[in-house]
Amino acid sequence: MKKLILFGDSLIANFHKADVSTLENNTGYQVYNCATCGWDTNDGVVKAPYIARLQPEVVVFSFGTNDSSTWQQLEIATVAENVKKIIEDFSGSVMIFLLPPPIDEDRQELKKQRSNATIKQYAEAIKNVLIQNNIRYIDPAVFRQILDSGQDYHEEDGIHFNDLGYGTVINEIVKILRT
């Protein structure tokens, strides 16, 4: 059976069994979740060579939110270089990148503050690498539209996805794979 790997931070590490089943049923791929809460692109660079040996037909990445966090903030240039290294390891796979979506700044823990302005800078740097390498991505604008419609895709922490958020990610992956 064809393999789809989720690889990155908690935005995709927290997929529930039902989310994985929905993704499998809508794509025809067997889904393997190789993401871990707290990972940044430095972790991705270290783990990518091993995960890439699984030779997935599709890999969905999620990096950038932790890279931009105040407690482990990486230089934007480092993040861009790390993304280049990570995608090189998966050169035989179809790649989709979940760019860091907007957060609800008011609901964060005080010790773990992030800002949408900073997250946007990191997302833009990653997006530039993806465009240069012709890699599809889930644009944060999709999530902005949800917020603008009066809905919320966040868990209580203001960062992670609720059911609407995961449903949106799944729909976007399916949409990209069908085009």
C-alpha atoms as a PDB file:
ATOM      1  CA  MET A   1       0.000   0.000   0.000  1.00  0.00           C
ATOM      2  CA  LYS A   2       1.159   3.548  -0.717  1.00  0.00           C
ATOM      3  CA  LYS A   3       2.565   5.478   2.257  1.00  0.00           C
ATOM      4  CA  LEU A   4       1.871   9.012   3.441  1.00  0.00           C
ATOM      5  CA  ILE A   5       4.090  10.229   6.270  1.00  0.00           C
ATOM      6  CA  LEU A   6       3.314  13.101   8.619  1.00  0.00           C
ATOM      7  CA  PHE A   7       6.630  14.619   9.704  1.00  0.00           C
ATOM      8  CA  GLY A   8       7.202  17.647  11.887  1.00  0.00           C
ATOM      9  CA  ASP A   9       5.896  19.326  15.025  1.00  0.00           C
ATOM     10  CA  SER A  10       2.813  19.015  17.238  1.00  0.00           C
ATOM     11  CA  LEU A  11       0.484  20.577  14.679  1.00  0.00           C
ATOM     12  CA  ILE A  12       0.507  17.212  12.932  1.00  0.00           C
ATOM     13  CA  ALA A  13       1.844  15.025  15.765  1.00  0.00           C
ATOM     14  CA  ASN A  14      -1.496  15.486  17.514  1.00  0.00           C
ATOM     15  CA  PHE A  15      -3.566  13.895  14.740  1.00  0.00           C
ATOM     16  CA  HIS A  16      -6.047  11.570  16.449  1.00  0.00           C
ATOM     17  CA  LYS A  17      -6.837   8.087  15.203  1.00  0.00           C
ATOM     18  CA  ALA A  18     -10.043   9.385  13.615  1.00  0.00           C
ATOM     19  CA  ASP A  19      -8.054  12.070  11.745  1.00  0.00           C
ATOM     20  CA  VAL A  20      -5.621   9.469  10.426  1.00  0.00           C
ATOM     21  CA  SER A  21      -8.533   7.237   9.369  1.00  0.00           C
ATOM     22  CA  THR A  22     -10.205  10.141   7.578  1.00  0.00           C
ATOM     23  CA  LEU A  23      -6.981  10.984   5.773  1.00  0.00           C
ATOM     24  CA  GLU A  24      -6.476   7.334   4.789  1.00  0.00           C
ATOM     25  CA  ASN A  25     -10.069   6.965   3.582  1.00  0.00           C
ATOM     26  CA  ASN A  26      -9.886  10.148   1.499  1.00  0.00           C
ATOM     27  CA  THR A  27      -6.465   9.559  -0.051  1.00  0.00           C
ATOM     28  CA  GLY A  28      -6.016   5.802  -0.360  1.00  0.00           C
ATOM     29  CA  TYR A  29      -2.657   6.073   1.423  1.00  0.00           C
ATOM     30  CA  GLN A  30      -1.612   4.333   4.595  1.00  0.00           C
ATOM     31  CA  VAL A  31      -0.684   7.131   7.011  1.00  0.00           C
ATOM     32  CA  TYR A  32       2.306   6.979   9.349  1.00  0.00           C
ATOM     33  CA  ASN A  33       2.691   9.756  11.898  1.00  0.00           C
ATOM     34  CA  CYS A  34       6.387  10.497  12.431  1.00  0.00           C
ATOM     35  CA  ALA A  35       5.896  13.910  14.035  1.00  0.00           C
ATOM     36  CA  THR A  36       6.792  14.903  17.597  1.00  0.00           C
ATOM     37  CA  CYS A  37       5.612  17.721  19.830  1.00  0.00           C
ATOM     38  CA  GLY A  38       8.242  20.406  20.282  1.00  0.00           C
ATOM     39  CA  TRP A  39      10.276  19.609  17.179  1.00  0.00           C
ATOM     40  CA  ASP A  40      11.806  22.416  15.159  1.00  0.00           C
ATOM     41  CA  THR A  41      13.705  22.269  11.877  1.00  0.00           C
ATOM     42  CA  ASN A  42      16.945  21.311  13.672  1.00  0.00           C
ATOM     43  CA  ASP A  43      15.175  18.135  14.796  1.00  0.00           C
ATOM     44  CA  GLY A  44      13.826  17.660  11.292  1.00  0.00           C
ATOM     45  CA  VAL A  45      17.314  17.786   9.784  1.00  0.00           C
ATOM     46  CA  VAL A  46      18.509  15.097  12.205  1.00  0.00           C
ATOM     47  CA  LYS A  47      15.521  12.772  11.730  1.00  0.00           C
ATOM     48  CA  ALA A  48      14.808  13.263   8.004  1.00  0.00           C
ATOM     49  CA  PRO A  49      17.479  10.890   6.624  1.00  0.00           C
ATOM     50  CA  TYR A  50      16.071   8.006   8.647  1.00  0.00           C
ATOM     51  CA  ILE A  51      12.381   8.767   8.002  1.00  0.00           C
ATOM     52  CA  ALA A  52      13.069   9.242   4.272  1.00  0.00           C
ATOM     53  CA  ARG A  53      14.342   5.643   4.112  1.00  0.00           C
ATOM     54  CA  LEU A  54      10.714   4.595   4.459  1.00  0.00           C
ATOM     55  CA  GLN A  55      10.357   5.907   0.880  1.00  0.00           C
ATOM     56  CA  PRO A  56       6.901   7.419   1.264  1.00  0.00           C
ATOM     57  CA  GLU A  57       4.976   8.359  -1.829  1.00  0.00           C
ATOM     58  CA  VAL A  58       3.807  11.477   0.046  1.00  0.00           C
ATOM     59  CA  VAL A  59       5.219  13.371   3.017  1.00  0.00           C
ATOM     60  CA  VAL A  60       3.395  16.183   4.817  1.00  0.00           C
ATOM     61  CA  PHE A  61       5.685  18.496   6.783  1.00  0.00           C
ATOM     62  CA  SER A  62       4.874  20.889   9.609  1.00  0.00           C
ATOM     63  CA  PHE A  63       7.720  23.037  10.865  1.00  0.00           C
ATOM     64  CA  GLY A  64       8.115  26.692  11.773  1.00  0.00           C
ATOM     65  CA  THR A  65       5.870  27.318  14.757  1.00  0.00           C
ATOM     66  CA  ASN A  66       8.448  26.067  17.254  1.00  0.00           C
ATOM     67  CA  ASP A  67      11.331  27.579  15.282  1.00  0.00           C
ATOM     68  CA  SER A  68       9.735  30.994  15.850  1.00  0.00           C
ATOM     69  CA  SER A  69       9.031  30.519  19.559  1.00  0.00           C
ATOM     70  CA  THR A  70      10.706  32.828  22.059  1.00  0.00           C
ATOM     71  CA  TRP A  71      12.264  29.980  24.044  1.00  0.00           C
ATOM     72  CA  GLN A  72      14.099  28.316  21.136  1.00  0.00           C
ATOM     73  CA  GLN A  73      13.958  30.879  18.358  1.00  0.00           C
ATOM     74  CA  LEU A  74      16.181  29.888  15.456  1.00  0.00           C
ATOM     75  CA  GLU A  75      17.549  32.396  12.988  1.00  0.00           C
ATOM     76  CA  ILE A  76      15.259  32.665   9.972  1.00  0.00           C
ATOM     77  CA  ALA A  77      18.168  31.920   7.631  1.00  0.00           C
ATOM     78  CA  THR A  78      18.897  28.740   9.602  1.00  0.00           C
ATOM     79  CA  VAL A  79      15.269  27.642   9.292  1.00  0.00           C
ATOM     80  CA  ALA A  80      15.342  28.208   5.528  1.00  0.00           C
ATOM     81  CA  GLU A  81      18.570  26.178   5.212  1.00  0.00           C
ATOM     82  CA  ASN A  82      17.119  23.440   7.412  1.00  0.00           C
ATOM     83  CA  VAL A  83      14.001  23.217   5.255  1.00  0.00           C
ATOM     84  CA  LYS A  84      16.215  22.870   2.164  1.00  0.00           C
ATOM     85  CA  LYS A  85      18.088  19.979   3.807  1.00  0.00           C
ATOM     86  CA  ILE A  86      14.896  18.262   4.942  1.00  0.00           C
ATOM     87  CA  ILE A  87      13.238  18.382   1.530  1.00  0.00           C
ATOM     88  CA  GLU A  88      16.413  17.112  -0.157  1.00  0.00           C
ATOM     89  CA  ASP A  89      16.105  13.902   1.854  1.00  0.00           C
ATOM     90  CA  PHE A  90      12.592  13.349   0.505  1.00  0.00           C
ATOM     91  CA  SER A  91      13.397  14.146  -3.125  1.00  0.00           C
ATOM     92  CA  GLY A  92      11.608  11.005  -4.376  1.00  0.00           C
ATOM     93  CA  SER A  93       8.344  11.853  -2.615  1.00  0.00           C
ATOM     94  CA  VAL A  94       5.451  14.186  -3.283  1.00  0.00           C
ATOM     95  CA  MET A  95       5.840  16.861  -0.612  1.00  0.00           C
ATOM     96  CA  ILE A  96       3.233  19.058   1.046  1.00  0.00           C
ATOM     97  CA  PHE A  97       4.160  21.617   3.685  1.00  0.00           C
ATOM     98  CA  LEU A  98       1.786  22.923   6.334  1.00  0.00           C
ATOM     99  CA  LEU A  99       3.046  26.470   6.818  1.00  0.00           C
ATOM    100  CA  PRO A 100       2.684  27.816  10.371  1.00  0.00           C
ATOM    101  CA  PRO A 101      -0.862  29.154  10.769  1.00  0.00           C
ATOM    102  CA  PRO A 102      -1.896  32.167  12.844  1.00  0.00           C
ATOM    103  CA  ILE A 103      -2.221  31.572  16.567  1.00  0.00           C
ATOM    104  CA  ASP A 104      -4.475  33.142  19.182  1.00  0.00           C
ATOM    105  CA  GLU A 105      -1.899  35.240  21.016  1.00  0.00           C
ATOM    106  CA  ASP A 106      -4.228  35.978  23.940  1.00  0.00           C
ATOM    107  CA  ARG A 107      -4.642  32.304  24.904  1.00  0.00           C
ATOM    108  CA  GLN A 108      -0.973  31.305  25.150  1.00  0.00           C
ATOM    109  CA  GLU A 109       0.891  30.405  28.313  1.00  0.00           C
ATOM    110  CA  LEU A 110       2.892  33.389  29.541  1.00  0.00           C
ATOM    111  CA  LYS A 111       6.171  31.454  29.424  1.00  0.00           C
ATOM    112  CA  LYS A 112       5.552  30.280  25.863  1.00  0.00           C
ATOM    113  CA  GLN A 113       4.696  33.467  24.044  1.00  0.00           C
ATOM    114  CA  ARG A 114       4.735  33.597  20.266  1.00  0.00           C
ATOM    115  CA  SER A 115       3.592  36.382  17.998  1.00  0.00           C
ATOM    116  CA  ASN A 116       1.733  36.185  14.715  1.00  0.00           C
ATOM    117  CA  ALA A 117       4.096  38.775  13.256  1.00  0.00           C
ATOM    118  CA  THR A 118       7.101  36.537  13.961  1.00  0.00           C
ATOM    119  CA  ILE A 119       5.320  33.375  12.831  1.00  0.00           C
ATOM    120  CA  LYS A 120       4.425  35.106   9.570  1.00  0.00           C
ATOM    121  CA  GLN A 121       8.094  35.990   8.947  1.00  0.00           C
ATOM    122  CA  TYR A 122       9.098  32.355   9.403  1.00  0.00           C
ATOM    123  CA  ALA A 123       6.231  31.139   7.232  1.00  0.00           C
ATOM    124  CA  GLU A 124       7.291  33.517   4.449  1.00  0.00           C
ATOM    125  CA  ALA A 125      10.907  32.331   4.611  1.00  0.00           C
ATOM    126  CA  ILE A 126       9.801  28.704   4.413  1.00  0.00           C
ATOM    127  CA  LYS A 127       7.334  29.517   1.632  1.00  0.00           C
ATOM    128  CA  ASN A 128      10.152  31.063  -0.435  1.00  0.00           C
ATOM    129  CA  VAL A 129      12.148  27.822  -0.168  1.00  0.00           C
ATOM    130  CA  LEU A 130       9.097  25.807  -1.165  1.00  0.00           C
ATOM    131  CA  ILE A 131       8.359  27.990  -4.187  1.00  0.00           C
ATOM    132  CA  GLN A 132      11.984  27.748  -5.324  1.00  0.00           C
ATOM    133  CA  ASN A 133      11.703  23.958  -5.127  1.00  0.00           C
ATOM    134  CA  ASN A 134       8.199  23.672  -6.612  1.00  0.00           C
ATOM    135  CA  ILE A 135       6.733  22.163  -3.441  1.00  0.00           C
ATOM    136  CA  ARG A 136       3.049  22.529  -2.622  1.00  0.00           C
ATOM    137  CA  TYR A 137       1.996  24.006   0.701  1.00  0.00           C
ATOM    138  CA  ILE A 138      -1.034  24.702   2.850  1.00  0.00           C
ATOM    139  CA  ASP A 139      -1.243  28.459   2.992  1.00  0.00           C
ATOM    140  CA  PRO A 140      -1.919  30.130   6.356  1.00  0.00           C
ATOM    141  CA  ALA A 141      -4.523  32.241   4.531  1.00  0.00           C
ATOM    142  CA  VAL A 142      -6.871  29.241   4.727  1.00  0.00           C
ATOM    143  CA  PHE A 143      -6.813  29.536   8.503  1.00  0.00           C
ATOM    144  CA  ARG A 144      -7.117  33.316   8.434  1.00  0.00           C
ATOM    145  CA  GLN A 145     -10.355  32.873   6.433  1.00  0.00           C
ATOM    146  CA  ILE A 146     -11.717  30.616   9.173  1.00  0.00           C
ATOM    147  CA  LEU A 147     -10.950  33.217  11.837  1.00  0.00           C
ATOM    148  CA  ASP A 148     -12.417  35.984   9.687  1.00  0.00           C
ATOM    149  CA  SER A 149     -15.647  33.980   9.391  1.00  0.00           C
ATOM    150  CA  GLY A 150     -16.001  34.014  13.191  1.00  0.00           C
ATOM    151  CA  GLN A 151     -14.938  30.419  13.723  1.00  0.00           C
ATOM    152  CA  ASP A 152     -11.916  29.194  15.647  1.00  0.00           C
ATOM    153  CA  TYR A 153      -9.643  26.290  14.734  1.00  0.00           C
ATOM    154  CA  HIS A 154      -7.577  26.394  17.954  1.00  0.00           C
ATOM    155  CA  GLU A 155      -7.537  24.282  21.073  1.00  0.00           C
ATOM    156  CA  GLU A 156      -7.677  26.167  24.366  1.00  0.00           C
ATOM    157  CA  ASP A 157      -3.934  26.940  24.211  1.00  0.00           C
ATOM    158  CA  GLY A 158      -4.440  29.103  21.124  1.00  0.00           C
ATOM    159  CA  ILE A 159      -1.801  27.207  19.138  1.00  0.00           C
ATOM    160  CA  HIS A 160      -2.872  23.636  18.463  1.00  0.00           C
ATOM    161  CA  PHE A 161      -5.775  22.548  16.273  1.00  0.00           C
ATOM    162  CA  ASN A 162      -9.260  21.579  17.339  1.00  0.00           C
ATOM    163  CA  ASP A 163     -11.461  19.333  15.171  1.00  0.00           C
ATOM    164  CA  LEU A 164     -12.130  22.177  12.716  1.00  0.00           C
ATOM    165  CA  GLY A 165      -8.390  22.797  12.380  1.00  0.00           C
ATOM    166  CA  TYR A 166      -7.572  19.152  11.732  1.00  0.00           C
ATOM    167  CA  GLY A 167     -10.486  18.861   9.328  1.00  0.00           C
ATOM    168  CA  THR A 168      -9.108  21.841   7.425  1.00  0.00           C
ATOM    169  CA  VAL A 169      -5.605  20.336   7.259  1.00  0.00           C
ATOM    170  CA  ILE A 170      -7.026  17.043   6.003  1.00  0.00           C
ATOM    171  CA  ASN A 171      -9.191  18.787   3.378  1.00  0.00           C
ATOM    172  CA  GLU A 172      -6.212  20.795   2.144  1.00  0.00           C
ATOM    173  CA  ILE A 173      -4.006  17.691   1.875  1.00  0.00           C
ATOM    174  CA  VAL A 174      -6.714  15.871  -0.059  1.00  0.00           C
ATOM    175  CA  LYS A 175      -7.237  18.884  -2.326  1.00  0.00           C
ATOM    176  CA  ILE A 176      -3.520  19.116  -3.104  1.00  0.00           C
ATOM    177  CA  LEU A 177      -3.226  15.392  -3.823  1.00  0.00           C
ATOM    178  CA  ARG A 178      -6.171  15.543  -6.222  1.00  0.00           C
ATOM    179  CA  THR A 179      -4.725  18.388  -8.296  1.00  0.00           C
END
